[in-house]
PDB file of N, CA and C in Angstrom:
ATOM      1  N   MET A   1    -144.021  95.162 205.285  1.00  0.00           N
ATOM      2  CA  MET A   1    -144.426  95.891 206.467  1.00  0.00           C
ATOM      3  C   MET A   1    -144.702  94.931 207.621  1.00  0.00           C
ATOM      4  N   VAL A   2    -145.487  93.910 207.385  1.00  0.00           N
ATOM      5  CA  VAL A   2    -145.802  92.958 208.448  1.00  0.00           C
ATOM      6  C   VAL A   2    -144.537  92.208 208.867  1.00  0.00           C
ATOM      7  N   MET A   3    -143.675  91.905 207.879  1.00  0.00           N
ATOM      8  CA  MET A   3    -142.431  91.208 208.221  1.00  0.00           C
ATOM      9  C   MET A   3    -141.577  92.057 209.143  1.00  0.00           C
ATOM     10  N   ASP A   4    -141.618  93.379 208.990  1.00  0.00           N
ATOM     11  CA  ASP A   4    -140.859  94.273 209.866  1.00  0.00           C
ATOM     12  C   ASP A   4    -141.343  94.192 211.308  1.00  0.00           C
ATOM     13  N   TRP A   5    -142.648  94.022 211.486  1.00  0.00           N
ATOM     14  CA  TRP A   5    -143.207  93.938 212.831  1.00  0.00           C
ATOM     15  C   TRP A   5    -142.626  92.761 213.601  1.00  0.00           C
ATOM     16  N   PHE A   6    -142.400  91.657 212.893  1.00  0.00           N
ATOM     17  CA  PHE A   6    -141.918  90.439 213.534  1.00  0.00           C
ATOM     18  C   PHE A   6    -140.420  90.231 213.371  1.00  0.00           C
ATOM     19  N   GLY A   7    -139.735  91.191 212.740  1.00  0.00           N
ATOM     20  CA  GLY A   7    -138.304  91.078 212.543  1.00  0.00           C
ATOM     21  C   GLY A   7    -137.925  89.976 211.568  1.00  0.00           C
ATOM     22  N   TYR A   8    -138.803  89.695 210.626  1.00  0.00           N
ATOM     23  CA  TYR A   8    -138.598  88.623 209.668  1.00  0.00           C
ATOM     24  C   TYR A   8    -138.143  89.224 208.344  1.00  0.00           C
ATOM     25  N   ASP A   9    -137.195  88.568 207.679  1.00  0.00           N
ATOM     26  CA  ASP A   9    -136.701  89.067 206.400  1.00  0.00           C
ATOM     27  C   ASP A   9    -136.772  87.953 205.366  1.00  0.00           C
ATOM     28  N   LEU A  10    -137.431  88.221 204.272  1.00  0.00           N
ATOM     29  CA  LEU A  10    -137.557  87.259 203.177  1.00  0.00           C
ATOM     30  C   LEU A  10    -137.194  87.986 201.898  1.00  0.00           C
ATOM     31  N   ASP A  11    -136.204  87.484 201.210  1.00  0.00           N
ATOM     32  CA  ASP A  11    -135.770  88.143 199.984  1.00  0.00           C
ATOM     33  C   ASP A  11    -135.357  87.090 198.966  1.00  0.00           C
ATOM     34  N   PHE A  12    -135.966  87.153 197.794  1.00  0.00           N
ATOM     35  CA  PHE A  12    -135.587  86.277 196.696  1.00  0.00           C
ATOM     36  C   PHE A  12    -135.945  86.972 195.394  1.00  0.00           C
ATOM     37  N   ALA A  13    -135.405  86.481 194.312  1.00  0.00           N
ATOM     38  CA  ALA A  13    -135.669  87.082 193.000  1.00  0.00           C
ATOM     39  C   ALA A  13    -137.158  86.956 192.680  1.00  0.00           C
ATOM     40  N   GLY A  14    -137.778  88.053 192.347  1.00  0.00           N
ATOM     41  CA  GLY A  14    -139.188  88.038 191.989  1.00  0.00           C
ATOM     42  C   GLY A  14    -140.141  88.282 193.137  1.00  0.00           C
ATOM     43  N   ILE A  15    -139.631  88.621 194.310  1.00  0.00           N
ATOM     44  CA  ILE A  15    -140.519  88.844 195.459  1.00  0.00           C
ATOM     45  C   ILE A  15    -141.471  90.024 195.216  1.00  0.00           C
ATOM     46  N   ASP A  16    -141.061  90.974 194.378  1.00  0.00           N
ATOM     47  CA  ASP A  16    -141.927  92.122 194.081  1.00  0.00           C
ATOM     48  C   ASP A  16    -143.168  91.724 193.296  1.00  0.00           C
ATOM     49  N   TRP A  17    -143.179  90.536 192.708  1.00  0.00           N
ATOM     50  CA  TRP A  17    -144.320  90.089 191.916  1.00  0.00           C
ATOM     51  C   TRP A  17    -145.320  89.266 192.722  1.00  0.00           C
ATOM     52  N   ILE A  18    -144.990  88.901 193.951  1.00  0.00           N
ATOM     53  CA  ILE A  18    -145.899  88.083 194.761  1.00  0.00           C
ATOM     54  C   ILE A  18    -147.216  88.818 195.017  1.00  0.00           C
ATOM     55  N   GLY A  19    -147.142  90.070 195.467  1.00  0.00           N
ATOM     56  CA  GLY A  19    -148.350  90.849 195.749  1.00  0.00           C
ATOM     57  C   GLY A  19    -149.242  91.053 194.535  1.00  0.00           C
ATOM     58  N   PRO A  20    -148.681  91.545 193.414  1.00  0.00           N
ATOM     59  CA  PRO A  20    -149.516  91.721 192.224  1.00  0.00           C
ATOM     60  C   PRO A  20    -150.130  90.412 191.705  1.00  0.00           C
ATOM     61  N   LEU A  21    -149.382  89.317 191.745  1.00  0.00           N
ATOM     62  CA  LEU A  21    -149.932  88.044 191.273  1.00  0.00           C
ATOM     63  C   LEU A  21    -151.031  87.532 192.193  1.00  0.00           C
ATOM     64  N   LEU A  22    -150.801  87.602 193.492  1.00  0.00           N
ATOM     65  CA  LEU A  22    -151.817  87.177 194.445  1.00  0.00           C
ATOM     66  C   LEU A  22    -153.054  88.084 194.369  1.00  0.00           C
ATOM     67  N   GLY A  23    -152.823  89.383 194.244  1.00  0.00           N
ATOM     68  CA  GLY A  23    -153.931  90.324 194.115  1.00  0.00           C
ATOM     69  C   GLY A  23    -154.742  90.100 192.851  1.00  0.00           C
ATOM     70  N   SER A  24    -154.065  89.762 191.753  1.00  0.00           N
ATOM     71  CA  SER A  24    -154.768  89.478 190.498  1.00  0.00           C
ATOM     72  C   SER A  24    -155.633  88.237 190.630  1.00  0.00           C
ATOM     73  N   PHE A  25    -155.081  87.207 191.273  1.00  0.00           N
ATOM     74  CA  PHE A  25    -155.861  85.988 191.497  1.00  0.00           C
ATOM     75  C   PHE A  25    -157.115  86.284 192.314  1.00  0.00           C
ATOM     76  N   VAL A  26    -156.961  87.014 193.401  1.00  0.00           N
ATOM     77  CA  VAL A  26    -158.099  87.338 194.264  1.00  0.00           C
ATOM     78  C   VAL A  26    -159.109  88.215 193.535  1.00  0.00           C
ATOM     79  N   PHE A  27    -158.614  89.204 192.774  1.00  0.00           N
ATOM     80  CA  PHE A  27    -159.519  90.091 192.033  1.00  0.00           C
ATOM     81  C   PHE A  27    -160.386  89.295 191.066  1.00  0.00           C
ATOM     82  N   PHE A  28    -159.765  88.444 190.254  1.00  0.00           N
ATOM     83  CA  PHE A  28    -160.546  87.718 189.251  1.00  0.00           C
ATOM     84  C   PHE A  28    -161.401  86.610 189.871  1.00  0.00           C
ATOM     85  N   TRP A  29    -160.904  85.945 190.899  1.00  0.00           N
ATOM     86  CA  TRP A  29    -161.675  84.867 191.517  1.00  0.00           C
ATOM     87  C   TRP A  29    -162.864  85.417 192.303  1.00  0.00           C
ATOM     88  N   ALA A  30    -162.612  86.352 193.199  1.00  0.00           N
ATOM     89  CA  ALA A  30    -163.688  86.886 194.037  1.00  0.00           C
ATOM     90  C   ALA A  30    -164.542  87.912 193.297  1.00  0.00           C
ATOM     91  N   GLY A  31    -163.959  88.583 192.320  1.00  0.00           N
ATOM     92  CA  GLY A  31    -164.696  89.620 191.602  1.00  0.00           C
ATOM     93  C   GLY A  31    -165.463  89.125 190.399  1.00  0.00           C
ATOM     94  N   TRP A  32    -165.245  87.853 190.017  1.00  0.00           N
ATOM     95  CA  TRP A  32    -165.886  87.354 188.810  1.00  0.00           C
ATOM     96  C   TRP A  32    -167.417  87.509 188.812  1.00  0.00           C
ATOM     97  N   PRO A  33    -168.127  87.193 189.895  1.00  0.00           N
ATOM     98  CA  PRO A  33    -169.587  87.381 189.861  1.00  0.00           C
ATOM     99  C   PRO A  33    -169.985  88.828 189.569  1.00  0.00           C
ATOM    100  N   PHE A  34    -169.247  89.790 190.090  1.00  0.00           N
ATOM    101  CA  PHE A  34    -169.562  91.196 189.845  1.00  0.00           C
ATOM    102  C   PHE A  34    -169.208  91.599 188.413  1.00  0.00           C
ATOM    103  N   LEU A  35    -168.072  91.131 187.921  1.00  0.00           N
ATOM    104  CA  LEU A  35    -167.661  91.451 186.559  1.00  0.00           C
ATOM    105  C   LEU A  35    -168.616  90.834 185.542  1.00  0.00           C
ATOM    106  N   ASP A  36    -169.030  89.602 185.788  1.00  0.00           N
ATOM    107  CA  ASP A  36    -169.975  88.934 184.903  1.00  0.00           C
ATOM    108  C   ASP A  36    -171.345  89.610 184.956  1.00  0.00           C
ATOM    109  N   GLY A  37    -171.785  89.975 186.155  1.00  0.00           N
ATOM    110  CA  GLY A  37    -173.060  90.680 186.294  1.00  0.00           C
ATOM    111  C   GLY A  37    -173.035  92.045 185.629  1.00  0.00           C
ATOM    112  N   ALA A  38    -171.898  92.738 185.713  1.00  0.00           N
ATOM    113  CA  ALA A  38    -171.772  94.041 185.066  1.00  0.00           C
ATOM    114  C   ALA A  38    -171.849  93.898 183.557  1.00  0.00           C
ATOM    115  N   ARG A  39    -171.208  92.866 183.036  1.00  0.00           N
ATOM    116  CA  ARG A  39    -171.250  92.636 181.589  1.00  0.00           C
ATOM    117  C   ARG A  39    -172.693  92.376 181.134  1.00  0.00           C
ATOM    118  N   ALA A  40    -173.427  91.596 181.907  1.00  0.00           N
ATOM    119  CA  ALA A  40    -174.828  91.311 181.574  1.00  0.00           C
ATOM    120  C   ALA A  40    -175.670  92.587 181.640  1.00  0.00           C
ATOM    121  N   GLU A  41    -175.424  93.417 182.650  1.00  0.00           N
ATOM    122  CA  GLU A  41    -176.175  94.671 182.768  1.00  0.00           C
ATOM    123  C   GLU A  41    -175.876  95.601 181.598  1.00  0.00           C
ATOM    124  N   LEU A  42    -174.625  95.634 181.163  1.00  0.00           N
ATOM    125  CA  LEU A  42    -174.264  96.481 180.025  1.00  0.00           C
ATOM    126  C   LEU A  42    -174.903  95.976 178.735  1.00  0.00           C
ATOM    127  N   ARG A  43    -174.970  94.668 178.575  1.00  0.00           N
ATOM    128  CA  ARG A  43    -175.614  94.102 177.380  1.00  0.00           C
ATOM    129  C   ARG A  43    -177.102  94.454 177.328  1.00  0.00           C
ATOM    130  N   ARG A  44    -177.737  94.436 178.500  1.00  0.00           N
ATOM    131  CA  ARG A  44    -179.176  94.779 178.568  1.00  0.00           C
ATOM    132  C   ARG A  44    -179.399  96.282 178.579  1.00  0.00           C
ATOM    133  N   ARG A  45    -178.326  97.035 178.678  1.00  0.00           N
ATOM    134  CA  ARG A  45    -178.398  98.499 178.791  1.00  0.00           C
ATOM    135  C   ARG A  45    -179.244  98.932 179.984  1.00  0.00           C
ATOM    136  N   GLN A  46    -179.068  98.196 181.086  1.00  0.00           N
ATOM    137  CA  GLN A  46    -179.740  98.499 182.335  1.00  0.00           C
ATOM    138  C   GLN A  46    -178.720  98.471 183.463  1.00  0.00           C
ATOM    139  N   PRO A  47    -177.963  99.566 183.629  1.00  0.00           N
ATOM    140  CA  PRO A  47    -176.937  99.566 184.676  1.00  0.00           C
ATOM    141  C   PRO A  47    -177.566  99.445 186.061  1.00  0.00           C
ATOM    142  N   GLY A  48    -176.866  98.698 186.914  1.00  0.00           N
ATOM    143  CA  GLY A  48    -177.349  98.482 188.274  1.00  0.00           C
ATOM    144  C   GLY A  48    -176.184  98.346 189.239  1.00  0.00           C
ATOM    145  N   MET A  49    -176.437  97.684 190.346  1.00  0.00           N
ATOM    146  CA  MET A  49    -175.428  97.551 191.397  1.00  0.00           C
ATOM    147  C   MET A  49    -174.224  96.724 190.962  1.00  0.00           C
ATOM    148  N   MET A  50    -174.443  95.710 190.136  1.00  0.00           N
ATOM    149  CA  MET A  50    -173.308  94.891 189.700  1.00  0.00           C
ATOM    150  C   MET A  50    -172.306  95.738 188.917  1.00  0.00           C
ATOM    151  N   LEU A  51    -172.798  96.611 188.078  1.00  0.00           N
ATOM    152  CA  LEU A  51    -171.910  97.491 187.319  1.00  0.00           C
ATOM    153  C   LEU A  51    -171.179  98.446 188.253  1.00  0.00           C
ATOM    154  N   LEU A  52    -171.881  98.989 189.207  1.00  0.00           N
ATOM    155  CA  LEU A  52    -171.274  99.914 190.155  1.00  0.00           C
ATOM    156  C   LEU A  52    -170.165  99.225 190.963  1.00  0.00           C
ATOM    157  N   ILE A  53    -170.452  98.028 191.449  1.00  0.00           N
ATOM    158  CA  ILE A  53    -169.451  97.296 192.225  1.00  0.00           C
ATOM    159  C   ILE A  53    -168.277  96.877 191.347  1.00  0.00           C
ATOM    160  N   ALA A  54    -168.557  96.433 190.123  1.00  0.00           N
ATOM    161  CA  ALA A  54    -167.487  96.035 189.207  1.00  0.00           C
ATOM    162  C   ALA A  54    -166.573  97.216 188.882  1.00  0.00           C
ATOM    163  N   MET A  55    -167.154  98.377 188.683  1.00  0.00           N
ATOM    164  CA  MET A  55    -166.332  99.565 188.417  1.00  0.00           C
ATOM    165  C   MET A  55    -165.476  99.901 189.630  1.00  0.00           C
ATOM    166  N   ALA A  56    -166.044  99.809 190.818  1.00  0.00           N
ATOM    167  CA  ALA A  56    -165.305 100.146 192.038  1.00  0.00           C
ATOM    168  C   ALA A  56    -164.144  99.185 192.272  1.00  0.00           C
ATOM    169  N   ILE A  57    -164.381  97.881 192.146  1.00  0.00           N
ATOM    170  CA  ILE A  57    -163.294  96.936 192.389  1.00  0.00           C
ATOM    171  C   ILE A  57    -162.250  96.995 191.288  1.00  0.00           C
ATOM    172  N   THR A  58    -162.653  97.323 190.072  1.00  0.00           N
ATOM    173  CA  THR A  58    -161.687  97.443 188.978  1.00  0.00           C
ATOM    174  C   THR A  58    -160.786  98.644 189.183  1.00  0.00           C
ATOM    175  N   VAL A  59    -161.353  99.771 189.581  1.00  0.00           N
ATOM    176  CA  VAL A  59    -160.537 100.962 189.848  1.00  0.00           C
ATOM    177  C   VAL A  59    -159.577 100.696 191.003  1.00  0.00           C
ATOM    178  N   ALA A  60    -160.062 100.042 192.057  1.00  0.00           N
ATOM    179  CA  ALA A  60    -159.198  99.728 193.196  1.00  0.00           C
ATOM    180  C   ALA A  60    -158.090  98.766 192.785  1.00  0.00           C
ATOM    181  N   TYR A  61    -158.419  97.772 191.969  1.00  0.00           N
ATOM    182  CA  TYR A  61    -157.420  96.804 191.507  1.00  0.00           C
ATOM    183  C   TYR A  61    -156.352  97.478 190.647  1.00  0.00           C
ATOM    184  N   VAL A  62    -156.773  98.300 189.704  1.00  0.00           N
ATOM    185  CA  VAL A  62    -155.816  98.979 188.823  1.00  0.00           C
ATOM    186  C   VAL A  62    -154.923  99.922 189.620  1.00  0.00           C
ATOM    187  N   ALA A  63    -155.493 100.665 190.567  1.00  0.00           N
ATOM    188  CA  ALA A  63    -154.686 101.569 191.394  1.00  0.00           C
ATOM    189  C   ALA A  63    -153.697 100.783 192.256  1.00  0.00           C
ATOM    190  N   SER A  64    -154.142  99.668 192.810  1.00  0.00           N
ATOM    191  CA  SER A  64    -153.257  98.842 193.621  1.00  0.00           C
ATOM    192  C   SER A  64    -152.151  98.225 192.778  1.00  0.00           C
ATOM    193  N   LEU A  65    -152.501  97.760 191.591  1.00  0.00           N
ATOM    194  CA  LEU A  65    -151.503  97.174 190.699  1.00  0.00           C
ATOM    195  C   LEU A  65    -150.484  98.219 190.262  1.00  0.00           C
ATOM    196  N   ALA A  66    -150.950  99.411 189.930  1.00  0.00           N
ATOM    197  CA  ALA A  66    -150.032 100.485 189.531  1.00  0.00           C
ATOM    198  C   ALA A  66    -149.090 100.850 190.669  1.00  0.00           C
ATOM    199  N   THR A  67    -149.620 100.914 191.873  1.00  0.00           N
ATOM    200  CA  THR A  67    -148.782 101.235 193.028  1.00  0.00           C
ATOM    201  C   THR A  67    -147.765 100.124 193.290  1.00  0.00           C
ATOM    202  N   SER A  68    -148.200  98.877 193.171  1.00  0.00           N
ATOM    203  CA  SER A  68    -147.305  97.743 193.393  1.00  0.00           C
ATOM    204  C   SER A  68    -146.174  97.701 192.377  1.00  0.00           C
ATOM    205  N   LEU A  69    -146.454  98.161 191.170  1.00  0.00           N
ATOM    206  CA  LEU A  69    -145.445  98.134 190.114  1.00  0.00           C
ATOM    207  C   LEU A  69    -144.609  99.403 190.071  1.00  0.00           C
ATOM    208  N   GLY A  70    -144.841 100.322 191.008  1.00  0.00           N
ATOM    209  CA  GLY A  70    -143.989 101.498 191.125  1.00  0.00           C
ATOM    210  C   GLY A  70    -144.562 102.773 190.566  1.00  0.00           C
ATOM    211  N   CYS A  71    -145.782 102.774 190.097  1.00  0.00           N
ATOM    212  CA  CYS A  71    -146.393 103.995 189.579  1.00  0.00           C
ATOM    213  C   CYS A  71    -146.999 104.786 190.736  1.00  0.00           C
ATOM    214  N   SER A  72    -146.918 106.092 190.626  1.00  0.00           N
ATOM    215  CA  SER A  72    -147.533 106.945 191.633  1.00  0.00           C
ATOM    216  C   SER A  72    -148.132 108.139 190.923  1.00  0.00           C
ATOM    217  N   ILE A  73    -149.454 108.214 190.912  1.00  0.00           N
ATOM    218  CA  ILE A  73    -150.151 109.296 190.228  1.00  0.00           C
ATOM    219  C   ILE A  73    -150.863 110.135 191.276  1.00  0.00           C
ATOM    220  N   SER A  74    -150.581 111.425 191.287  1.00  0.00           N
ATOM    221  CA  SER A  74    -151.194 112.309 192.280  1.00  0.00           C
ATOM    222  C   SER A  74    -152.622 112.634 191.891  1.00  0.00           C
ATOM    223  N   SER A  75    -153.377 113.198 192.824  1.00  0.00           N
ATOM    224  CA  SER A  75    -154.766 113.538 192.563  1.00  0.00           C
ATOM    225  C   SER A  75    -154.897 114.700 191.584  1.00  0.00           C
ATOM    226  N   SER A  76    -153.813 115.460 191.369  1.00  0.00           N
ATOM    227  CA  SER A  76    -153.880 116.571 190.427  1.00  0.00           C
ATOM    228  C   SER A  76    -153.685 116.101 188.992  1.00  0.00           C
ATOM    229  N   GLY A  77    -153.443 114.804 188.793  1.00  0.00           N
ATOM    230  CA  GLY A  77    -153.332 114.267 187.448  1.00  0.00           C
ATOM    231  C   GLY A  77    -151.908 114.153 186.953  1.00  0.00           C
ATOM    232  N   GLY A  78    -150.946 114.697 187.652  1.00  0.00           N
ATOM    233  CA  GLY A  78    -149.550 114.589 187.242  1.00  0.00           C
ATOM    234  C   GLY A  78    -148.868 113.478 187.998  1.00  0.00           C
ATOM    235  N   SER A  79    -147.724 113.093 187.516  1.00  0.00           N
ATOM    236  CA  SER A  79    -147.006 112.034 188.219  1.00  0.00           C
ATOM    237  C   SER A  79    -146.179 112.631 189.342  1.00  0.00           C
ATOM    238  N   SER A  80    -145.864 111.800 190.297  1.00  0.00           N
ATOM    239  CA  SER A  80    -145.060 112.233 191.440  1.00  0.00           C
ATOM    240  C   SER A  80    -143.611 112.381 191.004  1.00  0.00           C
ATOM    241  N   PRO A  81    -142.745 112.859 191.887  1.00  0.00           N
ATOM    242  CA  PRO A  81    -141.331 112.997 191.516  1.00  0.00           C
ATOM    243  C   PRO A  81    -140.769 111.691 190.980  1.00  0.00           C
ATOM    244  N   PRO A  82    -139.830 111.767 190.057  1.00  0.00           N
ATOM    245  CA  PRO A  82    -139.306 110.555 189.421  1.00  0.00           C
ATOM    246  C   PRO A  82    -138.727 109.581 190.439  1.00  0.00           C
ATOM    247  N   SER A  83    -138.916 108.317 190.172  1.00  0.00           N
ATOM    248  CA  SER A  83    -138.363 107.267 191.014  1.00  0.00           C
ATOM    249  C   SER A  83    -137.480 106.378 190.155  1.00  0.00           C
ATOM    250  N   SER A  84    -137.019 105.282 190.736  1.00  0.00           N
ATOM    251  CA  SER A  84    -136.150 104.387 189.987  1.00  0.00           C
ATOM    252  C   SER A  84    -136.918 103.631 188.908  1.00  0.00           C
ATOM    253  N   ARG A  85    -138.236 103.535 189.043  1.00  0.00           N
ATOM    254  CA  ARG A  85    -139.068 102.875 188.037  1.00  0.00           C
ATOM    255  C   ARG A  85    -139.867 103.929 187.298  1.00  0.00           C
ATOM    256  N   SER A  86    -140.087 103.721 186.019  1.00  0.00           N
ATOM    257  CA  SER A  86    -140.870 104.674 185.258  1.00  0.00           C
ATOM    258  C   SER A  86    -142.210 104.044 184.874  1.00  0.00           C
ATOM    259  N   CYS A  87    -143.207 104.879 184.745  1.00  0.00           N
ATOM    260  CA  CYS A  87    -144.500 104.422 184.278  1.00  0.00           C
ATOM    261  C   CYS A  87    -145.223 105.620 183.663  1.00  0.00           C
ATOM    262  N   CYS A  88    -146.316 105.342 183.022  1.00  0.00           N
ATOM    263  CA  CYS A  88    -147.062 106.414 182.371  1.00  0.00           C
ATOM    264  C   CYS A  88    -147.864 107.184 183.394  1.00  0.00           C
ATOM    265  N   SER A  89    -147.911 108.489 183.249  1.00  0.00           N
ATOM    266  CA  SER A  89    -148.727 109.319 184.140  1.00  0.00           C
ATOM    267  C   SER A  89    -150.138 109.390 183.572  1.00  0.00           C
ATOM    268  N   ALA A  90    -151.007 110.083 184.247  1.00  0.00           N
ATOM    269  CA  ALA A  90    -152.389 110.217 183.820  1.00  0.00           C
ATOM    270  C   ALA A  90    -152.492 110.937 182.480  1.00  0.00           C
ATOM    271  N   THR A  91    -151.488 111.705 182.111  1.00  0.00           N
ATOM    272  CA  THR A  91    -151.532 112.434 180.837  1.00  0.00           C
ATOM    273  C   THR A  91    -151.038 111.590 179.682  1.00  0.00           C
ATOM    274  N   GLY A  92    -150.502 110.412 179.968  1.00  0.00           N
ATOM    275  CA  GLY A  92    -150.060 109.522 178.919  1.00  0.00           C
ATOM    276  C   GLY A  92    -148.598 109.696 178.523  1.00  0.00           C
ATOM    277  N   SER A  93    -147.874 110.603 179.158  1.00  0.00           N
ATOM    278  CA  SER A  93    -146.470 110.777 178.822  1.00  0.00           C
ATOM    279  C   SER A  93    -145.616 109.959 179.760  1.00  0.00           C
ATOM    280  N   ARG A  94    -144.410 109.654 179.357  1.00  0.00           N
ATOM    281  CA  ARG A  94    -143.499 108.875 180.197  1.00  0.00           C
ATOM    282  C   ARG A  94    -142.531 109.763 180.882  1.00  0.00           C
TER     283      ARG A  94
END
């Protein structure tokens, strides 16, 4: 999208994996304090803000990763119309 704004074109084998790999690095690097804090809160059986934030960033990461890999799940729980890539829908069927 940003490349379109500037009229720039970059294409090479594996370019579709740049976003998910970079996003995974950022999620684990920046999210580690929250994930570690959530684990500690769960061990103590005292949920708090770290657990809430860890759940939020994990859901956002998984949704972003699924979208990047071609999955599209509607809010009604079913998958969107078929595309060139297949993935599991919320019901677990392919």
